[in-house]
Amino acid sequence: MTLARHGCGAVLRITDDGSGFEPQSIRRAGRHLGLVSMRDRTNGVGGTLTVESAPGKGTTIEMEVPGG
């Protein structure tokens, strides 16, 4: 996990080497609710959330939020 300043905001990056998943499944009801909540909260402050993952390849989540 890394947390870095980016302009006036910040970028949080979390990477794991776990089992991974299909990122498209985030949009399905009842699946990965934690990621849905993270995206909603990030969007609520004007930020962006990027999820990169594939079965058997681990996951990287990057959250970028503006400063205020």
PDB file of N, CA and C in Angstrom:
ATOM      1  N   MET A   1       0.848  -1.163   0.000  1.00  0.00           N
ATOM      2  CA  MET A   1       0.000   0.000   0.000  1.00  0.00           C
ATOM      3  C   MET A   1       0.896   1.229   0.000  1.00  0.00           C
ATOM      4  N   THR A   2       0.513   2.200  -0.823  1.00  0.00           N
ATOM      5  CA  THR A   2       1.214   3.474  -0.841  1.00  0.00           C
ATOM      6  C   THR A   2       0.199   4.599  -0.789  1.00  0.00           C
ATOM      7  N   LEU A   3       0.600   5.676  -0.168  1.00  0.00           N
ATOM      8  CA  LEU A   3      -0.196   6.901  -0.114  1.00  0.00           C
ATOM      9  C   LEU A   3       0.743   8.037  -0.479  1.00  0.00           C
ATOM     10  N   ALA A   4       0.380   8.793  -1.508  1.00  0.00           N
ATOM     11  CA  ALA A   4       1.261   9.860  -1.980  1.00  0.00           C
ATOM     12  C   ALA A   4       0.450  11.104  -2.312  1.00  0.00           C
ATOM     13  N   ARG A   5       1.098  12.247  -2.171  1.00  0.00           N
ATOM     14  CA  ARG A   5       0.477  13.501  -2.605  1.00  0.00           C
ATOM     15  C   ARG A   5       0.483  13.531  -4.123  1.00  0.00           C
ATOM     16  N   HIS A   6      -0.568  14.112  -4.671  1.00  0.00           N
ATOM     17  CA  HIS A   6      -0.662  14.282  -6.121  1.00  0.00           C
ATOM     18  C   HIS A   6      -1.283  15.647  -6.351  1.00  0.00           C
ATOM     19  N   GLY A   7      -0.444  16.630  -6.654  1.00  0.00           N
ATOM     20  CA  GLY A   7      -0.923  18.008  -6.724  1.00  0.00           C
ATOM     21  C   GLY A   7      -1.401  18.417  -5.342  1.00  0.00           C
ATOM     22  N   CYS A   8      -2.637  18.907  -5.261  1.00  0.00           N
ATOM     23  CA  CYS A   8      -3.227  19.276  -3.973  1.00  0.00           C
ATOM     24  C   CYS A   8      -3.954  18.108  -3.332  1.00  0.00           C
ATOM     25  N   GLY A   9      -4.062  16.994  -4.042  1.00  0.00           N
ATOM     26  CA  GLY A   9      -4.802  15.842  -3.540  1.00  0.00           C
ATOM     27  C   GLY A   9      -3.885  14.715  -3.114  1.00  0.00           C
ATOM     28  N   ALA A  10      -4.432  13.509  -3.162  1.00  0.00           N
ATOM     29  CA  ALA A  10      -3.684  12.328  -2.741  1.00  0.00           C
ATOM     30  C   ALA A  10      -4.097  11.117  -3.567  1.00  0.00           C
ATOM     31  N   VAL A  11      -3.160  10.154  -3.654  1.00  0.00           N
ATOM     32  CA  VAL A  11      -3.417   8.897  -4.341  1.00  0.00           C
ATOM     33  C   VAL A  11      -3.094   7.756  -3.386  1.00  0.00           C
ATOM     34  N   LEU A  12      -4.062   6.882  -3.175  1.00  0.00           N
ATOM     35  CA  LEU A  12      -3.887   5.677  -2.370  1.00  0.00           C
ATOM     36  C   LEU A  12      -3.886   4.495  -3.318  1.00  0.00           C
ATOM     37  N   ARG A  13      -2.856   3.656  -3.242  1.00  0.00           N
ATOM     38  CA  ARG A  13      -2.743   2.493  -4.129  1.00  0.00           C
ATOM     39  C   ARG A  13      -2.554   1.250  -3.262  1.00  0.00           C
ATOM     40  N   ILE A  14      -3.431   0.272  -3.468  1.00  0.00           N
ATOM     41  CA  ILE A  14      -3.382  -0.987  -2.729  1.00  0.00           C
ATOM     42  C   ILE A  14      -3.248  -2.114  -3.741  1.00  0.00           C
ATOM     43  N   THR A  15      -2.246  -2.960  -3.555  1.00  0.00           N
ATOM     44  CA  THR A  15      -1.991  -4.066  -4.476  1.00  0.00           C
ATOM     45  C   THR A  15      -1.863  -5.355  -3.678  1.00  0.00           C
ATOM     46  N   ASP A  16      -2.456  -6.429  -4.216  1.00  0.00           N
ATOM     47  CA  ASP A  16      -2.265  -7.741  -3.602  1.00  0.00           C
ATOM     48  C   ASP A  16      -2.010  -8.779  -4.680  1.00  0.00           C
ATOM     49  N   ASP A  17      -1.528  -9.932  -4.265  1.00  0.00           N
ATOM     50  CA  ASP A  17      -1.271 -11.014  -5.208  1.00  0.00           C
ATOM     51  C   ASP A  17      -2.245 -12.172  -4.968  1.00  0.00           C
ATOM     52  N   GLY A  18      -3.469 -11.811  -4.577  1.00  0.00           N
ATOM     53  CA  GLY A  18      -4.498 -12.802  -4.275  1.00  0.00           C
ATOM     54  C   GLY A  18      -5.098 -13.434  -5.514  1.00  0.00           C
ATOM     55  N   SER A  19      -6.283 -14.006  -5.344  1.00  0.00           N
ATOM     56  CA  SER A  19      -6.917 -14.772  -6.417  1.00  0.00           C
ATOM     57  C   SER A  19      -7.506 -13.900  -7.521  1.00  0.00           C
ATOM     58  N   GLY A  20      -7.726 -12.614  -7.267  1.00  0.00           N
ATOM     59  CA  GLY A  20      -8.254 -11.712  -8.282  1.00  0.00           C
ATOM     60  C   GLY A  20      -9.711 -12.017  -8.621  1.00  0.00           C
ATOM     61  N   PHE A  21     -10.264 -11.221  -9.531  1.00  0.00           N
ATOM     62  CA  PHE A  21     -11.658 -11.374  -9.952  1.00  0.00           C
ATOM     63  C   PHE A  21     -11.863 -10.575 -11.232  1.00  0.00           C
ATOM     64  N   GLU A  22     -13.025 -10.703 -11.832  1.00  0.00           N
ATOM     65  CA  GLU A  22     -13.379  -9.926 -13.021  1.00  0.00           C
ATOM     66  C   GLU A  22     -13.901  -8.557 -12.569  1.00  0.00           C
ATOM     67  N   PRO A  23     -13.213  -7.463 -12.904  1.00  0.00           N
ATOM     68  CA  PRO A  23     -13.668  -6.142 -12.462  1.00  0.00           C
ATOM     69  C   PRO A  23     -15.104  -5.807 -12.866  1.00  0.00           C
ATOM     70  N   GLN A  24     -15.591  -6.351 -13.957  1.00  0.00           N
ATOM     71  CA  GLN A  24     -16.958  -6.082 -14.384  1.00  0.00           C
ATOM     72  C   GLN A  24     -17.971  -6.585 -13.357  1.00  0.00           C
ATOM     73  N   SER A  25     -17.579  -7.531 -12.519  1.00  0.00           N
ATOM     74  CA  SER A  25     -18.502  -8.078 -11.522  1.00  0.00           C
ATOM     75  C   SER A  25     -18.817  -7.071 -10.424  1.00  0.00           C
ATOM     76  N   ILE A  26     -18.068  -5.968 -10.340  1.00  0.00           N
ATOM     77  CA  ILE A  26     -18.328  -4.945  -9.329  1.00  0.00           C
ATOM     78  C   ILE A  26     -19.724  -4.377  -9.499  1.00  0.00           C
ATOM     79  N   ARG A  27     -20.189  -4.266 -10.711  1.00  0.00           N
ATOM     80  CA  ARG A  27     -21.478  -3.650 -10.995  1.00  0.00           C
ATOM     81  C   ARG A  27     -22.662  -4.575 -10.684  1.00  0.00           C
ATOM     82  N   ARG A  28     -22.417  -5.847 -10.497  1.00  0.00           N
ATOM     83  CA  ARG A  28     -23.507  -6.781 -10.224  1.00  0.00           C
ATOM     84  C   ARG A  28     -23.993  -6.633  -8.795  1.00  0.00           C
ATOM     85  N   ALA A  29     -25.295  -6.645  -8.636  1.00  0.00           N
ATOM     86  CA  ALA A  29     -25.890  -6.526  -7.290  1.00  0.00           C
ATOM     87  C   ALA A  29     -25.414  -7.676  -6.411  1.00  0.00           C
ATOM     88  N   GLY A  30     -25.043  -7.330  -5.182  1.00  0.00           N
ATOM     89  CA  GLY A  30     -24.654  -8.349  -4.217  1.00  0.00           C
ATOM     90  C   GLY A  30     -23.217  -8.819  -4.322  1.00  0.00           C
ATOM     91  N   ARG A  31     -22.430  -8.263  -5.229  1.00  0.00           N
ATOM     92  CA  ARG A  31     -21.040  -8.689  -5.397  1.00  0.00           C
ATOM     93  C   ARG A  31     -20.098  -7.525  -5.080  1.00  0.00           C
ATOM     94  N   HIS A  32     -19.083  -7.798  -4.291  1.00  0.00           N
ATOM     95  CA  HIS A  32     -18.034  -6.813  -4.007  1.00  0.00           C
ATOM     96  C   HIS A  32     -18.613  -5.496  -3.501  1.00  0.00           C
ATOM     97  N   LEU A  33     -19.486  -5.568  -2.521  1.00  0.00           N
ATOM     98  CA  LEU A  33     -20.135  -4.361  -2.009  1.00  0.00           C
ATOM     99  C   LEU A  33     -19.140  -3.375  -1.418  1.00  0.00           C
ATOM    100  N   GLY A  34     -18.041  -3.858  -0.876  1.00  0.00           N
ATOM    101  CA  GLY A  34     -17.021  -2.960  -0.352  1.00  0.00           C
ATOM    102  C   GLY A  34     -16.448  -2.074  -1.442  1.00  0.00           C
ATOM    103  N   LEU A  35     -16.205  -2.644  -2.627  1.00  0.00           N
ATOM    104  CA  LEU A  35     -15.685  -1.863  -3.743  1.00  0.00           C
ATOM    105  C   LEU A  35     -16.729  -0.882  -4.265  1.00  0.00           C
ATOM    106  N   VAL A  36     -17.979  -1.286  -4.282  1.00  0.00           N
ATOM    107  CA  VAL A  36     -19.049  -0.376  -4.697  1.00  0.00           C
ATOM    108  C   VAL A  36     -19.108   0.809  -3.741  1.00  0.00           C
ATOM    109  N   SER A  37     -19.012   0.533  -2.448  1.00  0.00           N
ATOM    110  CA  SER A  37     -19.033   1.598  -1.439  1.00  0.00           C
ATOM    111  C   SER A  37     -17.821   2.522  -1.600  1.00  0.00           C
ATOM    112  N   MET A  38     -16.641   1.941  -1.839  1.00  0.00           N
ATOM    113  CA  MET A  38     -15.441   2.755  -2.049  1.00  0.00           C
ATOM    114  C   MET A  38     -15.612   3.671  -3.252  1.00  0.00           C
ATOM    115  N   ARG A  39     -16.183   3.146  -4.345  1.00  0.00           N
ATOM    116  CA  ARG A  39     -16.383   3.958  -5.547  1.00  0.00           C
ATOM    117  C   ARG A  39     -17.367   5.081  -5.268  1.00  0.00           C
ATOM    118  N   ASP A  40     -18.467   4.779  -4.578  1.00  0.00           N
ATOM    119  CA  ASP A  40     -19.461   5.808  -4.265  1.00  0.00           C
ATOM    120  C   ASP A  40     -18.865   6.918  -3.409  1.00  0.00           C
ATOM    121  N   ARG A  41     -18.107   6.547  -2.398  1.00  0.00           N
ATOM    122  CA  ARG A  41     -17.499   7.548  -1.508  1.00  0.00           C
ATOM    123  C   ARG A  41     -16.438   8.377  -2.238  1.00  0.00           C
ATOM    124  N   THR A  42     -15.657   7.724  -3.078  1.00  0.00           N
ATOM    125  CA  THR A  42     -14.635   8.437  -3.843  1.00  0.00           C
ATOM    126  C   THR A  42     -15.278   9.424  -4.805  1.00  0.00           C
ATOM    127  N   ASN A  43     -16.313   8.970  -5.520  1.00  0.00           N
ATOM    128  CA  ASN A  43     -17.027   9.868  -6.433  1.00  0.00           C
ATOM    129  C   ASN A  43     -17.667  11.023  -5.676  1.00  0.00           C
ATOM    130  N   GLY A  44     -18.119  10.772  -4.457  1.00  0.00           N
ATOM    131  CA  GLY A  44     -18.770  11.793  -3.650  1.00  0.00           C
ATOM    132  C   GLY A  44     -17.873  12.962  -3.294  1.00  0.00           C
ATOM    133  N   VAL A  45     -16.564  12.745  -3.278  1.00  0.00           N
ATOM    134  CA  VAL A  45     -15.624  13.841  -2.991  1.00  0.00           C
ATOM    135  C   VAL A  45     -14.917  14.323  -4.256  1.00  0.00           C
ATOM    136  N   GLY A  46     -15.429  13.883  -5.418  1.00  0.00           N
ATOM    137  CA  GLY A  46     -14.858  14.329  -6.681  1.00  0.00           C
ATOM    138  C   GLY A  46     -13.623  13.578  -7.119  1.00  0.00           C
ATOM    139  N   GLY A  47     -13.409  12.390  -6.558  1.00  0.00           N
ATOM    140  CA  GLY A  47     -12.240  11.597  -6.898  1.00  0.00           C
ATOM    141  C   GLY A  47     -12.547  10.496  -7.895  1.00  0.00           C
ATOM    142  N   THR A  48     -11.542   9.669  -8.136  1.00  0.00           N
ATOM    143  CA  THR A  48     -11.703   8.532  -9.041  1.00  0.00           C
ATOM    144  C   THR A  48     -11.170   7.270  -8.375  1.00  0.00           C
ATOM    145  N   LEU A  49     -11.799   6.151  -8.701  1.00  0.00           N
ATOM    146  CA  LEU A  49     -11.374   4.847  -8.206  1.00  0.00           C
ATOM    147  C   LEU A  49     -11.144   3.950  -9.412  1.00  0.00           C
ATOM    148  N   THR A  50      -9.964   3.351  -9.476  1.00  0.00           N
ATOM    149  CA  THR A  50      -9.619   2.444 -10.560  1.00  0.00           C
ATOM    150  C   THR A  50      -9.349   1.069  -9.958  1.00  0.00           C
ATOM    151  N   VAL A  51      -9.957   0.046 -10.543  1.00  0.00           N
ATOM    152  CA  VAL A  51      -9.759  -1.330 -10.084  1.00  0.00           C
ATOM    153  C   VAL A  51      -9.226  -2.142 -11.249  1.00  0.00           C
ATOM    154  N   GLU A  52      -8.054  -2.737 -11.055  1.00  0.00           N
ATOM    155  CA  GLU A  52      -7.459  -3.625 -12.053  1.00  0.00           C
ATOM    156  C   GLU A  52      -7.321  -4.998 -11.413  1.00  0.00           C
ATOM    157  N   SER A  53      -7.889  -6.008 -12.064  1.00  0.00           N
ATOM    158  CA  SER A  53      -7.830  -7.357 -11.519  1.00  0.00           C
ATOM    159  C   SER A  53      -8.148  -8.355 -12.616  1.00  0.00           C
ATOM    160  N   ALA A  54      -7.749  -9.591 -12.394  1.00  0.00           N
ATOM    161  CA  ALA A  54      -8.090 -10.704 -13.271  1.00  0.00           C
ATOM    162  C   ALA A  54      -7.973 -11.975 -12.438  1.00  0.00           C
ATOM    163  N   PRO A  55      -8.807 -12.951 -12.712  1.00  0.00           N
ATOM    164  CA  PRO A  55      -8.714 -14.202 -11.963  1.00  0.00           C
ATOM    165  C   PRO A  55      -7.287 -14.761 -11.990  1.00  0.00           C
ATOM    166  N   GLY A  56      -6.776 -15.080 -10.808  1.00  0.00           N
ATOM    167  CA  GLY A  56      -5.436 -15.629 -10.685  1.00  0.00           C
ATOM    168  C   GLY A  56      -4.315 -14.619 -10.795  1.00  0.00           C
ATOM    169  N   LYS A  57      -4.624 -13.336 -10.932  1.00  0.00           N
ATOM    170  CA  LYS A  57      -3.599 -12.310 -11.158  1.00  0.00           C
ATOM    171  C   LYS A  57      -3.518 -11.250 -10.068  1.00  0.00           C
ATOM    172  N   GLY A  58      -4.294 -11.348  -9.010  1.00  0.00           N
ATOM    173  CA  GLY A  58      -4.252 -10.336  -7.968  1.00  0.00           C
ATOM    174  C   GLY A  58      -5.083  -9.119  -8.334  1.00  0.00           C
ATOM    175  N   THR A  59      -4.978  -8.080  -7.488  1.00  0.00           N
ATOM    176  CA  THR A  59      -5.810  -6.891  -7.642  1.00  0.00           C
ATOM    177  C   THR A  59      -5.000  -5.641  -7.291  1.00  0.00           C
ATOM    178  N   THR A  60      -5.241  -4.567  -8.034  1.00  0.00           N
ATOM    179  CA  THR A  60      -4.714  -3.250  -7.699  1.00  0.00           C
ATOM    180  C   THR A  60      -5.875  -2.272  -7.683  1.00  0.00           C
ATOM    181  N   ILE A  61      -5.990  -1.552  -6.584  1.00  0.00           N
ATOM    182  CA  ILE A  61      -7.022  -0.535  -6.435  1.00  0.00           C
ATOM    183  C   ILE A  61      -6.315   0.795  -6.230  1.00  0.00           C
ATOM    184  N   GLU A  62      -6.694   1.799  -7.026  1.00  0.00           N
ATOM    185  CA  GLU A  62      -6.098   3.124  -6.900  1.00  0.00           C
ATOM    186  C   GLU A  62      -7.207   4.141  -6.714  1.00  0.00           C
ATOM    187  N   MET A  63      -7.104   4.902  -5.634  1.00  0.00           N
ATOM    188  CA  MET A  63      -8.070   5.931  -5.310  1.00  0.00           C
ATOM    189  C   MET A  63      -7.350   7.272  -5.357  1.00  0.00           C
ATOM    190  N   GLU A  64      -7.856   8.178  -6.196  1.00  0.00           N
ATOM    191  CA  GLU A  64      -7.297   9.517  -6.282  1.00  0.00           C
ATOM    192  C   GLU A  64      -8.357  10.514  -5.848  1.00  0.00           C
ATOM    193  N   VAL A  65      -8.009  11.345  -4.881  1.00  0.00           N
ATOM    194  CA  VAL A  65      -8.956  12.342  -4.379  1.00  0.00           C
ATOM    195  C   VAL A  65      -8.309  13.727  -4.436  1.00  0.00           C
ATOM    196  N   PRO A  66      -9.120  14.739  -4.766  1.00  0.00           N
ATOM    197  CA  PRO A  66      -8.607  16.101  -4.828  1.00  0.00           C
ATOM    198  C   PRO A  66      -8.407  16.669  -3.428  1.00  0.00           C
ATOM    199  N   GLY A  67      -7.526  17.642  -3.328  1.00  0.00           N
ATOM    200  CA  GLY A  67      -7.336  18.357  -2.063  1.00  0.00           C
ATOM    201  C   GLY A  67      -8.330  19.491  -1.958  1.00  0.00           C
ATOM    202  N   GLY A  68      -8.396  20.063  -0.781  1.00  0.00           N
ATOM    203  CA  GLY A  68      -9.383  21.116  -0.635  1.00  0.00           C
ATOM    204  C   GLY A  68      -8.922  22.319   0.025  1.00  0.00           C
TER     205      GLY A  68
END
